[in-house]
Amino acid sequence: TQSTWGQFFRSRVCLGAGSRMAQNQQVESVQVFGRKRHAVAVAHCKRGHGVLKVNGCPIELVQPAILRYKVLEPVLLLGQERFGGVDMRVRVRGGGYTSQIYAIRQAIAKALV
């Protein structure tokens, strides 16, 4: 039964009908984290069209508005041409507002490098 399970697993998970691996297309992506005190931000970066979302919301809605520029610093330093070819999704938990902002900024900077 173990060989049957192994064959079933490989056919369903590794070589599934809708799987990207079955189409010989691998998505280039990187997953990095940023920390500040108790806040932890995880950024998932892949090729795309310049979309940047934090906890599912566009970066323009990050609060407080004063600290929004701190989140955008890595993007502004590198320029829009370098950032335009990637999509980034960031999720952040823990800490306070300011710690979360700095954790997001660190995760974005590490992902772009």
N, C-alpha and C. Protein backbone atom coordinates (compact mmCIF):
# COMPACT_ATOMS: atom_id res chain seq x y z
N THR A 1 0.81 -1.20 0.00
CA THR A 1 0.00 0.00 0.00
C THR A 1 0.86 1.27 0.00
N GLN A 2 2.10 1.15 0.49
CA GLN A 2 2.93 2.34 0.55
C GLN A 2 3.32 2.79 -0.86
N SER A 3 3.63 1.86 -1.75
CA SER A 3 3.99 2.26 -3.11
C SER A 3 2.78 2.84 -3.83
N THR A 4 1.60 2.31 -3.54
CA THR A 4 0.39 2.87 -4.13
C THR A 4 0.17 4.29 -3.62
N TRP A 5 0.37 4.52 -2.32
CA TRP A 5 0.22 5.86 -1.77
C TRP A 5 1.24 6.81 -2.39
N GLY A 6 2.48 6.35 -2.56
CA GLY A 6 3.52 7.18 -3.16
C GLY A 6 3.17 7.57 -4.59
N GLN A 7 2.64 6.61 -5.36
CA GLN A 7 2.23 6.92 -6.72
C GLN A 7 1.07 7.90 -6.74
N PHE A 8 0.12 7.71 -5.84
CA PHE A 8 -1.02 8.61 -5.76
C PHE A 8 -0.55 10.02 -5.38
N PHE A 9 0.36 10.10 -4.40
CA PHE A 9 0.86 11.40 -3.94
C PHE A 9 1.58 12.13 -5.08
N ARG A 10 2.46 11.42 -5.77
CA ARG A 10 3.20 12.06 -6.87
C ARG A 10 2.28 12.51 -7.98
N SER A 11 1.27 11.72 -8.31
CA SER A 11 0.38 12.08 -9.41
C SER A 11 -0.52 13.25 -9.04
N ARG A 12 -0.91 13.37 -7.76
CA ARG A 12 -1.83 14.43 -7.35
C ARG A 12 -1.10 15.72 -6.98
N VAL A 13 -0.03 15.59 -6.21
CA VAL A 13 0.62 16.77 -5.67
C VAL A 13 1.71 17.29 -6.60
N CYS A 14 2.61 16.42 -6.99
CA CYS A 14 3.77 16.87 -7.76
C CYS A 14 3.46 17.10 -9.23
N LEU A 15 2.60 16.29 -9.78
CA LEU A 15 2.33 16.39 -11.21
C LEU A 15 0.85 16.64 -11.48
N GLY A 16 0.22 17.44 -10.66
CA GLY A 16 -1.21 17.73 -10.81
C GLY A 16 -1.52 18.39 -12.13
N ALA A 17 -2.78 18.31 -12.54
CA ALA A 17 -3.19 18.83 -13.83
C ALA A 17 -2.99 20.34 -13.93
N GLY A 18 -3.27 21.08 -12.87
CA GLY A 18 -3.13 22.52 -12.91
C GLY A 18 -1.81 23.01 -12.36
N SER A 19 -0.91 22.10 -12.09
CA SER A 19 0.36 22.44 -11.47
C SER A 19 1.28 23.17 -12.43
N ARG A 20 2.01 24.14 -11.92
CA ARG A 20 2.96 24.87 -12.75
C ARG A 20 4.16 23.99 -13.09
N MET A 21 4.49 23.05 -12.19
CA MET A 21 5.62 22.18 -12.46
C MET A 21 5.32 21.26 -13.64
N ALA A 22 4.08 20.88 -13.80
CA ALA A 22 3.71 20.02 -14.91
C ALA A 22 3.87 20.75 -16.23
N GLN A 23 3.78 22.07 -16.19
CA GLN A 23 3.92 22.86 -17.41
C GLN A 23 5.37 23.33 -17.60
N ASN A 24 6.29 22.86 -16.75
CA ASN A 24 7.69 23.24 -16.78
C ASN A 24 7.88 24.74 -16.65
N GLN A 25 7.04 25.40 -15.87
CA GLN A 25 7.17 26.82 -15.60
C GLN A 25 7.30 26.99 -14.10
N GLN A 26 8.44 27.48 -13.67
CA GLN A 26 8.63 27.72 -12.25
C GLN A 26 8.60 29.22 -12.02
N VAL A 27 7.88 29.63 -11.00
CA VAL A 27 7.79 31.04 -10.66
C VAL A 27 9.00 31.39 -9.81
N GLU A 28 9.78 32.40 -10.25
CA GLU A 28 10.90 32.86 -9.46
C GLU A 28 10.36 33.73 -8.35
N SER A 29 10.60 33.33 -7.11
CA SER A 29 10.09 34.10 -5.99
C SER A 29 11.05 33.99 -4.82
N VAL A 30 10.89 34.93 -3.91
CA VAL A 30 11.70 34.92 -2.70
C VAL A 30 10.79 35.31 -1.54
N GLN A 31 11.03 34.70 -0.40
CA GLN A 31 10.26 35.00 0.80
C GLN A 31 11.24 35.37 1.90
N VAL A 32 11.13 36.61 2.39
CA VAL A 32 12.05 37.11 3.40
C VAL A 32 11.26 37.71 4.56
N PHE A 33 11.95 37.98 5.66
CA PHE A 33 11.27 38.54 6.81
C PHE A 33 12.02 39.77 7.30
N GLY A 34 11.30 40.63 8.00
CA GLY A 34 11.88 41.77 8.67
C GLY A 34 11.34 41.81 10.08
N ARG A 35 12.18 42.19 11.04
CA ARG A 35 11.74 42.24 12.43
C ARG A 35 12.13 43.56 13.07
N LYS A 36 11.27 44.02 13.94
CA LYS A 36 11.55 45.18 14.78
C LYS A 36 10.84 44.91 16.09
N ARG A 37 11.61 44.72 17.14
CA ARG A 37 11.07 44.38 18.45
C ARG A 37 10.14 43.15 18.35
N HIS A 38 8.85 43.28 18.59
CA HIS A 38 7.97 42.12 18.53
C HIS A 38 7.22 42.01 17.21
N ALA A 39 7.39 42.96 16.32
CA ALA A 39 6.70 42.92 15.02
C ALA A 39 7.51 42.09 14.03
N VAL A 40 6.83 41.22 13.30
CA VAL A 40 7.46 40.39 12.28
C VAL A 40 6.68 40.57 10.98
N ALA A 41 7.40 40.95 9.92
CA ALA A 41 6.79 41.10 8.60
C ALA A 41 7.42 40.08 7.67
N VAL A 42 6.60 39.40 6.89
CA VAL A 42 7.07 38.43 5.92
C VAL A 42 6.66 38.93 4.54
N ALA A 43 7.65 39.08 3.66
CA ALA A 43 7.40 39.58 2.30
C ALA A 43 7.61 38.45 1.31
N HIS A 44 6.65 38.28 0.44
CA HIS A 44 6.73 37.29 -0.64
C HIS A 44 6.82 38.07 -1.94
N CYS A 45 7.95 37.96 -2.61
CA CYS A 45 8.24 38.76 -3.80
C CYS A 45 8.36 37.84 -5.01
N LYS A 46 7.69 38.20 -6.11
CA LYS A 46 7.78 37.42 -7.35
C LYS A 46 7.65 38.37 -8.54
N ARG A 47 7.94 37.87 -9.71
CA ARG A 47 7.85 38.70 -10.91
C ARG A 47 6.41 39.13 -11.13
N GLY A 48 6.23 40.38 -11.60
CA GLY A 48 4.88 40.87 -11.79
C GLY A 48 4.85 42.26 -12.38
N HIS A 49 3.94 43.08 -11.87
CA HIS A 49 3.69 44.40 -12.46
C HIS A 49 3.82 45.54 -11.47
N GLY A 50 4.50 45.36 -10.36
CA GLY A 50 4.71 46.45 -9.41
C GLY A 50 3.65 46.59 -8.36
N VAL A 51 2.93 45.52 -8.05
CA VAL A 51 1.89 45.56 -7.03
C VAL A 51 2.53 45.36 -5.66
N LEU A 52 2.19 46.22 -4.71
CA LEU A 52 2.71 46.11 -3.35
C LEU A 52 1.53 46.17 -2.40
N LYS A 53 1.30 45.05 -1.68
CA LYS A 53 0.18 44.98 -0.75
C LYS A 53 0.68 44.59 0.63
N VAL A 54 0.08 45.19 1.64
CA VAL A 54 0.41 44.89 3.03
C VAL A 54 -0.87 44.38 3.70
N ASN A 55 -0.82 43.15 4.17
CA ASN A 55 -1.99 42.49 4.76
C ASN A 55 -3.20 42.55 3.84
N GLY A 56 -2.98 42.42 2.55
CA GLY A 56 -4.06 42.38 1.56
C GLY A 56 -4.55 43.74 1.10
N CYS A 57 -4.03 44.83 1.64
CA CYS A 57 -4.46 46.18 1.26
C CYS A 57 -3.33 46.87 0.49
N PRO A 58 -3.67 47.74 -0.44
CA PRO A 58 -2.63 48.48 -1.16
C PRO A 58 -1.77 49.31 -0.21
N ILE A 59 -0.56 49.55 -0.64
CA ILE A 59 0.40 50.26 0.21
C ILE A 59 -0.06 51.69 0.50
N GLU A 60 -0.91 52.26 -0.35
CA GLU A 60 -1.38 53.62 -0.16
C GLU A 60 -2.30 53.76 1.07
N LEU A 61 -2.81 52.64 1.57
CA LEU A 61 -3.71 52.67 2.71
C LEU A 61 -3.03 52.39 4.04
N VAL A 62 -1.70 52.27 4.04
CA VAL A 62 -0.98 51.99 5.27
C VAL A 62 -1.14 53.16 6.23
N GLN A 63 -1.47 52.86 7.48
CA GLN A 63 -1.64 53.89 8.50
C GLN A 63 -0.58 53.69 9.56
N PRO A 64 -0.10 54.68 10.22
CA PRO A 64 -0.38 56.11 10.06
C PRO A 64 0.26 56.68 8.80
N ALA A 65 -0.37 57.69 8.25
CA ALA A 65 0.05 58.25 6.96
C ALA A 65 1.45 58.86 7.04
N ILE A 66 1.82 59.40 8.18
CA ILE A 66 3.14 60.01 8.33
C ILE A 66 4.24 58.96 8.13
N LEU A 67 4.01 57.77 8.63
CA LEU A 67 5.02 56.71 8.53
C LEU A 67 4.96 55.95 7.21
N ARG A 68 4.00 56.26 6.35
CA ARG A 68 3.89 55.58 5.06
C ARG A 68 5.16 55.78 4.22
N TYR A 69 5.79 56.93 4.35
CA TYR A 69 7.01 57.19 3.59
C TYR A 69 8.16 56.30 4.04
N LYS A 70 8.15 55.91 5.31
CA LYS A 70 9.16 54.97 5.79
C LYS A 70 9.02 53.62 5.10
N VAL A 71 7.79 53.20 4.84
CA VAL A 71 7.55 51.93 4.14
C VAL A 71 8.01 52.05 2.69
N LEU A 72 7.81 53.21 2.10
CA LEU A 72 8.14 53.41 0.69
C LEU A 72 9.60 53.76 0.44
N GLU A 73 10.40 53.97 1.48
CA GLU A 73 11.80 54.35 1.29
C GLU A 73 12.59 53.40 0.40
N PRO A 74 12.53 52.07 0.58
CA PRO A 74 13.30 51.19 -0.31
C PRO A 74 12.88 51.32 -1.77
N VAL A 75 11.59 51.50 -2.00
CA VAL A 75 11.08 51.63 -3.37
C VAL A 75 11.55 52.96 -3.96
N LEU A 76 11.49 54.02 -3.19
CA LEU A 76 11.89 55.34 -3.67
C LEU A 76 13.40 55.41 -3.91
N LEU A 77 14.18 54.72 -3.10
CA LEU A 77 15.64 54.72 -3.28
C LEU A 77 16.05 53.98 -4.55
N LEU A 78 15.44 52.85 -4.82
CA LEU A 78 15.81 52.06 -5.98
C LEU A 78 15.19 52.57 -7.27
N GLY A 79 14.09 53.27 -7.16
CA GLY A 79 13.43 53.79 -8.36
C GLY A 79 12.35 52.84 -8.86
N GLN A 80 11.44 53.41 -9.58
CA GLN A 80 10.28 52.66 -10.07
C GLN A 80 10.67 51.63 -11.13
N GLU A 81 11.75 51.87 -11.89
CA GLU A 81 12.12 50.91 -12.94
C GLU A 81 12.58 49.58 -12.36
N ARG A 82 13.24 49.60 -11.21
CA ARG A 82 13.67 48.35 -10.59
C ARG A 82 12.50 47.64 -9.90
N PHE A 83 11.61 48.42 -9.32
CA PHE A 83 10.49 47.85 -8.58
C PHE A 83 9.33 47.45 -9.49
N GLY A 84 9.25 48.02 -10.69
CA GLY A 84 8.11 47.80 -11.58
C GLY A 84 7.95 46.36 -12.04
N GLY A 85 8.99 45.55 -11.97
CA GLY A 85 8.91 44.19 -12.48
C GLY A 85 8.58 43.14 -11.44
N VAL A 86 8.23 43.56 -10.22
CA VAL A 86 7.96 42.58 -9.17
C VAL A 86 6.64 42.88 -8.47
N ASP A 87 5.99 41.84 -8.02
CA ASP A 87 4.82 41.94 -7.14
C ASP A 87 5.26 41.53 -5.75
N MET A 88 4.78 42.24 -4.75
CA MET A 88 5.17 41.92 -3.39
C MET A 88 3.96 41.93 -2.49
N ARG A 89 3.84 40.87 -1.70
CA ARG A 89 2.78 40.76 -0.71
C ARG A 89 3.46 40.64 0.64
N VAL A 90 3.08 41.52 1.56
CA VAL A 90 3.68 41.55 2.89
C VAL A 90 2.60 41.31 3.92
N ARG A 91 2.88 40.44 4.88
CA ARG A 91 1.96 40.29 6.00
C ARG A 91 2.76 40.57 7.27
N VAL A 92 2.12 41.27 8.18
CA VAL A 92 2.82 41.70 9.38
C VAL A 92 1.94 41.42 10.59
N ARG A 93 2.59 41.01 11.70
CA ARG A 93 1.88 40.72 12.95
C ARG A 93 2.74 41.16 14.10
N GLY A 94 2.09 41.42 15.21
CA GLY A 94 2.78 41.72 16.45
C GLY A 94 3.26 43.16 16.53
N GLY A 95 3.69 43.56 17.72
CA GLY A 95 4.24 44.88 17.92
C GLY A 95 3.22 45.99 17.80
N GLY A 96 3.70 47.21 17.81
CA GLY A 96 2.84 48.38 17.65
C GLY A 96 2.92 48.91 16.23
N TYR A 97 2.27 50.05 16.01
CA TYR A 97 2.23 50.62 14.66
C TYR A 97 3.63 50.92 14.13
N THR A 98 4.42 51.60 14.91
CA THR A 98 5.74 52.01 14.44
C THR A 98 6.65 50.80 14.21
N SER A 99 6.61 49.85 15.10
CA SER A 99 7.43 48.65 14.93
C SER A 99 7.01 47.88 13.68
N GLN A 100 5.71 47.82 13.41
CA GLN A 100 5.25 47.15 12.21
C GLN A 100 5.74 47.86 10.95
N ILE A 101 5.72 49.19 10.96
CA ILE A 101 6.18 49.95 9.81
C ILE A 101 7.65 49.65 9.52
N TYR A 102 8.48 49.66 10.55
CA TYR A 102 9.90 49.40 10.36
C TYR A 102 10.16 47.94 9.96
N ALA A 103 9.37 47.01 10.45
CA ALA A 103 9.51 45.61 10.05
C ALA A 103 9.13 45.44 8.58
N ILE A 104 8.06 46.13 8.14
CA ILE A 104 7.66 46.07 6.73
C ILE A 104 8.77 46.64 5.86
N ARG A 105 9.33 47.76 6.27
CA ARG A 105 10.39 48.41 5.49
C ARG A 105 11.59 47.49 5.35
N GLN A 106 11.96 46.81 6.41
CA GLN A 106 13.11 45.90 6.36
C GLN A 106 12.83 44.72 5.45
N ALA A 107 11.62 44.17 5.51
CA ALA A 107 11.27 43.02 4.67
C ALA A 107 11.28 43.41 3.19
N ILE A 108 10.75 44.58 2.86
CA ILE A 108 10.74 45.04 1.46
C ILE A 108 12.16 45.23 0.96
N ALA A 109 13.00 45.85 1.77
CA ALA A 109 14.39 46.09 1.36
C ALA A 109 15.14 44.78 1.14
N LYS A 110 14.94 43.81 2.01
CA LYS A 110 15.62 42.53 1.85
C LYS A 110 15.11 41.77 0.63
N ALA A 111 13.82 41.90 0.33
CA ALA A 111 13.26 41.20 -0.82
C ALA A 111 13.77 41.79 -2.13
N LEU A 112 13.94 43.09 -2.19
CA LEU A 112 14.38 43.72 -3.42
C LEU A 112 15.87 43.50 -3.70
N VAL A 113 16.64 43.26 -2.64
CA VAL A 113 18.07 43.01 -2.85
C VAL A 113 18.23 41.60 -3.36
